[in-house]
Amino acid sequence: MAPDSTWTTPTDRPASDHPTPGGGEDSGEDSGALALKILVAGGFGVGKTTLVGAVSEIRPLRTEEPLSEAGSGVDDTEGVARKTTTTVAMDFGRITIRAGLSLYLFGTPGQDRFWFLWDELAQGALGAVVLADTRRLGDCFPAVDYFEHRRIPFVVAVNCFPGARAFGAHEVARALDLDRGTPVVLCDARDKDSGKEVLVRLVEYAGRVHTARLLDSVGT
């Protein structure tokens, strides 16, 4: 499936093919409901696991392992000295935005050595959230470059850590040299409502981008 395509829940499968959080076959959900795949990306220690866990309505799947002495030479913990674990595969969660629309969230690992997983996770994604920490803003450049290069719509969500210097959305957009129109929002990754607002902004933005591309392709 091409990166620009949208991952949705197939409507022609029998209900038993749709897994439910409790493992049962009958979840009571509308089999025609739309499910969109969203990536949550960003640098090491920026709050990806926290965001997925805060907004997920199911118990999130996490693949965290303790930081070890062996990784001390490659995991830059400056600014996140209290971080003791790291995601080694992905985080997974789900949130219902409204009746008939659910988002499946895939949190990407932040370290360079796990980048080989990104191409698999990006398949079929509607769009992505790039979390940013203004204390380590350069850490989100690789994610920004990744999604721009693959033409995957994304929003930058600035995780407002306590004690960090406050910057406005326009300042962050200029610092990251974002393409014109790429949304930048301020958020608290620990807060469910704040995280949900970020996801709503992404869905709205990605919908406009994909619609514009579809109209362009029809007109050519």
Protein backbone atom coordinates (compact mmCIF):
# COMPACT_ATOMS: atom_id res chain seq x y z
CA MET A 1 0.00 0.00 0.00
CA ALA A 2 1.42 3.37 -0.97
CA PRO A 3 2.21 5.86 1.82
CA ASP A 4 -0.40 8.32 0.46
CA SER A 5 -3.21 5.78 0.76
CA THR A 6 -5.43 5.73 3.81
CA TRP A 7 -5.57 2.67 6.05
CA THR A 8 -9.17 1.90 6.92
CA THR A 9 -11.12 -0.89 8.50
CA PRO A 10 -12.41 -3.10 5.66
CA THR A 11 -16.21 -3.25 5.57
CA ASP A 12 -16.49 -6.52 3.68
CA ARG A 13 -14.92 -8.77 6.34
CA PRO A 14 -17.05 -10.84 8.67
CA ALA A 15 -17.26 -9.40 12.17
CA SER A 16 -15.06 -12.19 13.53
CA ASP A 17 -12.10 -10.76 11.59
CA HIS A 18 -12.18 -7.58 13.65
CA PRO A 19 -10.25 -8.03 16.91
CA THR A 20 -11.69 -6.48 20.05
CA PRO A 21 -9.87 -5.28 23.17
CA GLY A 22 -11.38 -8.09 25.22
CA GLY A 23 -10.64 -10.73 22.63
CA GLY A 24 -14.31 -11.40 21.85
CA GLU A 25 -15.79 -11.56 18.40
CA ASP A 26 -18.79 -9.28 18.94
CA SER A 27 -17.72 -5.82 19.99
CA GLY A 28 -20.99 -4.12 19.14
CA GLU A 29 -19.13 -1.74 16.84
CA ASP A 30 -20.44 -0.73 13.43
CA SER A 31 -18.53 -2.84 10.90
CA GLY A 32 -18.73 0.09 8.49
CA ALA A 33 -16.94 2.49 10.86
CA LEU A 34 -13.94 4.29 9.49
CA ALA A 35 -10.56 3.60 11.11
CA LEU A 36 -7.58 5.77 10.28
CA LYS A 37 -3.94 4.97 10.91
CA ILE A 38 -1.90 7.74 12.54
CA LEU A 39 1.81 7.79 13.39
CA VAL A 40 3.21 9.55 16.45
CA ALA A 41 6.87 10.38 15.86
CA GLY A 42 9.65 12.59 17.17
CA GLY A 43 12.97 12.48 18.93
CA PHE A 44 14.12 10.40 21.87
CA GLY A 45 12.28 11.18 25.10
CA VAL A 46 9.89 13.73 23.56
CA GLY A 47 6.70 12.14 24.94
CA LYS A 48 5.42 9.80 22.22
CA THR A 49 4.61 6.93 24.60
CA THR A 50 3.02 9.41 27.02
CA LEU A 51 0.76 10.87 24.32
CA VAL A 52 -0.43 7.49 23.05
CA GLY A 53 -1.11 6.32 26.60
CA ALA A 54 -2.94 9.53 27.56
CA VAL A 55 -5.44 9.47 24.70
CA SER A 56 -5.93 5.74 24.16
CA GLU A 57 -9.31 4.35 25.19
CA ILE A 58 -7.87 0.84 25.33
CA ARG A 59 -4.91 -0.35 27.33
CA PRO A 60 -1.99 0.76 25.13
CA LEU A 61 0.52 -1.72 23.80
CA ARG A 62 4.04 -0.67 24.75
CA THR A 63 7.41 -2.13 23.80
CA GLU A 64 9.62 -0.33 26.28
CA GLU A 65 12.88 -1.63 27.64
CA PRO A 66 15.12 -0.16 30.37
CA LEU A 67 17.98 2.04 29.24
CA SER A 68 21.23 0.14 29.67
CA GLU A 69 24.91 0.93 30.03
CA ALA A 70 25.46 -0.54 26.56
CA GLY A 71 23.25 2.15 25.01
CA SER A 72 24.76 5.07 26.91
CA GLY A 73 27.01 5.96 23.99
CA VAL A 74 24.15 6.20 21.46
CA ASP A 75 21.14 7.38 23.50
CA ASP A 76 21.44 11.12 24.11
CA THR A 77 19.68 11.73 27.43
CA GLU A 78 20.64 15.40 27.73
CA GLY A 79 17.52 17.23 28.84
CA VAL A 80 15.71 13.99 29.69
CA ALA A 81 18.03 12.68 32.37
CA ARG A 82 15.17 11.10 34.32
CA LYS A 83 14.11 8.92 31.41
CA THR A 84 14.76 5.26 32.30
CA THR A 85 13.09 3.34 29.43
CA THR A 86 12.95 3.51 25.65
CA THR A 87 10.58 2.22 22.96
CA VAL A 88 12.23 -0.50 20.91
CA ALA A 89 9.45 -1.31 18.42
CA MET A 90 6.28 0.75 18.69
CA ASP A 91 3.46 1.96 20.90
CA PHE A 92 -0.12 1.24 19.93
CA GLY A 93 -3.42 2.73 21.05
CA ARG A 94 -6.89 3.60 19.81
CA ILE A 95 -9.18 6.59 20.27
CA THR A 96 -12.70 7.23 18.98
CA ILE A 97 -12.94 10.81 17.71
CA ARG A 98 -16.68 10.64 17.06
CA ALA A 99 -19.29 7.99 16.23
CA GLY A 100 -18.03 6.02 13.24
CA LEU A 101 -14.48 7.42 13.28
CA SER A 102 -11.61 5.84 15.21
CA LEU A 103 -7.89 6.51 15.09
CA TYR A 104 -5.32 3.74 15.49
CA LEU A 105 -2.14 5.28 16.88
CA PHE A 106 1.32 3.88 16.18
CA GLY A 107 4.13 5.46 18.16
CA THR A 108 7.51 5.16 16.46
CA PRO A 109 10.83 4.50 18.21
CA GLY A 110 12.93 7.63 18.55
CA GLN A 111 16.49 6.35 18.19
CA ASP A 112 18.30 6.24 14.86
CA ARG A 113 19.09 2.54 15.19
CA PHE A 114 15.36 1.68 14.99
CA TRP A 115 14.64 3.71 11.87
CA PHE A 116 14.31 0.56 9.76
CA LEU A 117 10.90 0.09 11.42
CA TRP A 118 9.54 3.42 10.20
CA ASP A 119 8.88 2.34 6.60
CA GLU A 120 6.74 -0.55 7.80
CA LEU A 121 4.84 1.58 10.29
CA ALA A 122 4.23 4.33 7.71
CA GLN A 123 2.47 2.06 5.23
CA GLY A 124 -1.12 3.21 4.82
CA ALA A 125 -0.91 6.06 7.34
CA LEU A 126 -3.28 8.98 6.85
CA GLY A 127 -0.80 11.29 8.54
CA ALA A 128 1.53 11.82 11.47
CA VAL A 129 2.07 13.84 14.60
CA VAL A 130 5.66 15.01 15.08
CA LEU A 131 6.19 15.76 18.76
CA ALA A 132 8.74 18.46 19.49
CA ASP A 133 10.58 19.56 22.62
CA THR A 134 11.85 23.15 22.37
CA ARG A 135 14.83 22.21 24.58
CA ARG A 136 15.90 19.70 21.91
CA LEU A 137 14.18 21.04 18.80
CA GLY A 138 16.79 19.62 16.45
CA ASP A 139 15.78 16.09 17.45
CA CYS A 140 12.58 16.29 15.43
CA PHE A 141 14.29 17.33 12.17
CA PRO A 142 14.71 13.70 11.01
CA ALA A 143 10.98 13.02 11.47
CA VAL A 144 10.03 16.24 9.67
CA ASP A 145 12.36 15.36 6.77
CA TYR A 146 11.01 11.79 6.66
CA PHE A 147 7.37 12.80 6.28
CA GLU A 148 8.07 15.70 3.92
CA HIS A 149 10.11 13.44 1.63
CA ARG A 150 7.34 10.80 1.55
CA ARG A 151 4.57 13.38 1.23
CA ILE A 152 2.81 12.16 4.36
CA PRO A 153 0.79 15.01 5.92
CA PHE A 154 1.85 15.86 9.46
CA VAL A 155 1.40 18.38 12.22
CA VAL A 156 4.11 19.45 14.66
CA ALA A 157 2.91 19.27 18.26
CA VAL A 158 5.14 21.16 20.70
CA ASN A 159 5.08 19.28 24.00
CA CYS A 160 5.20 22.04 26.62
CA PHE A 161 7.47 20.61 29.30
CA PRO A 162 7.45 22.35 32.70
CA GLY A 163 10.34 24.80 32.95
CA ALA A 164 11.05 24.85 29.22
CA ARG A 165 11.26 28.21 27.46
CA ALA A 166 7.96 29.03 25.77
CA PHE A 167 7.93 29.62 22.01
CA GLY A 168 5.01 30.47 19.78
CA ALA A 169 3.81 28.28 16.92
CA HIS A 170 5.17 30.69 14.29
CA GLU A 171 8.61 30.70 15.90
CA VAL A 172 8.74 26.90 15.91
CA ALA A 173 7.57 26.73 12.28
CA ARG A 174 10.36 29.11 11.23
CA ALA A 175 12.98 27.26 13.24
CA LEU A 176 12.01 23.95 11.62
CA ASP A 177 11.72 25.53 8.14
CA LEU A 178 8.35 23.86 7.66
CA ASP A 179 6.49 23.92 4.37
CA ARG A 180 3.91 26.68 4.28
CA GLY A 181 0.62 25.57 5.83
CA THR A 182 2.04 22.78 8.00
CA PRO A 183 0.21 23.19 11.34
CA VAL A 184 2.11 23.74 14.58
CA VAL A 185 0.16 23.31 17.81
CA LEU A 186 1.09 23.54 21.47
CA CYS A 187 0.11 20.63 23.67
CA ASP A 188 0.60 18.73 26.91
CA ALA A 189 1.23 15.08 26.00
CA ARG A 190 0.04 14.03 29.47
CA ASP A 191 -3.42 15.52 29.00
CA LYS A 192 -6.06 13.52 27.10
CA ASP A 193 -8.03 16.53 25.88
CA SER A 194 -4.88 18.28 24.70
CA GLY A 195 -3.73 15.18 22.85
CA LYS A 196 -7.16 14.67 21.29
CA GLU A 197 -7.14 18.24 19.99
CA VAL A 198 -3.79 17.56 18.28
CA LEU A 199 -5.25 14.47 16.60
CA VAL A 200 -8.36 16.33 15.44
CA ARG A 201 -6.15 19.03 13.88
CA LEU A 202 -4.14 16.35 12.11
CA VAL A 203 -7.20 14.56 10.69
CA GLU A 204 -8.63 17.85 9.43
CA TYR A 205 -5.33 18.90 7.86
CA ALA A 206 -4.56 15.49 6.33
CA GLY A 207 -8.08 15.33 4.92
CA ARG A 208 -7.58 18.64 3.13
CA VAL A 209 -4.20 17.56 1.77
CA HIS A 210 -5.43 14.21 0.45
CA THR A 211 -8.53 15.82 -1.08
CA ALA A 212 -6.42 18.43 -2.86
CA ARG A 213 -4.12 15.73 -4.25
CA LEU A 214 -7.09 13.71 -5.45
CA LEU A 215 -8.56 16.73 -7.24
CA ASP A 216 -5.17 17.50 -8.78
CA SER A 217 -4.87 13.94 -10.09
CA VAL A 218 -8.36 14.06 -11.60
CA GLY A 219 -7.62 17.38 -13.27
CA THR A 220 -4.41 16.19 -14.96
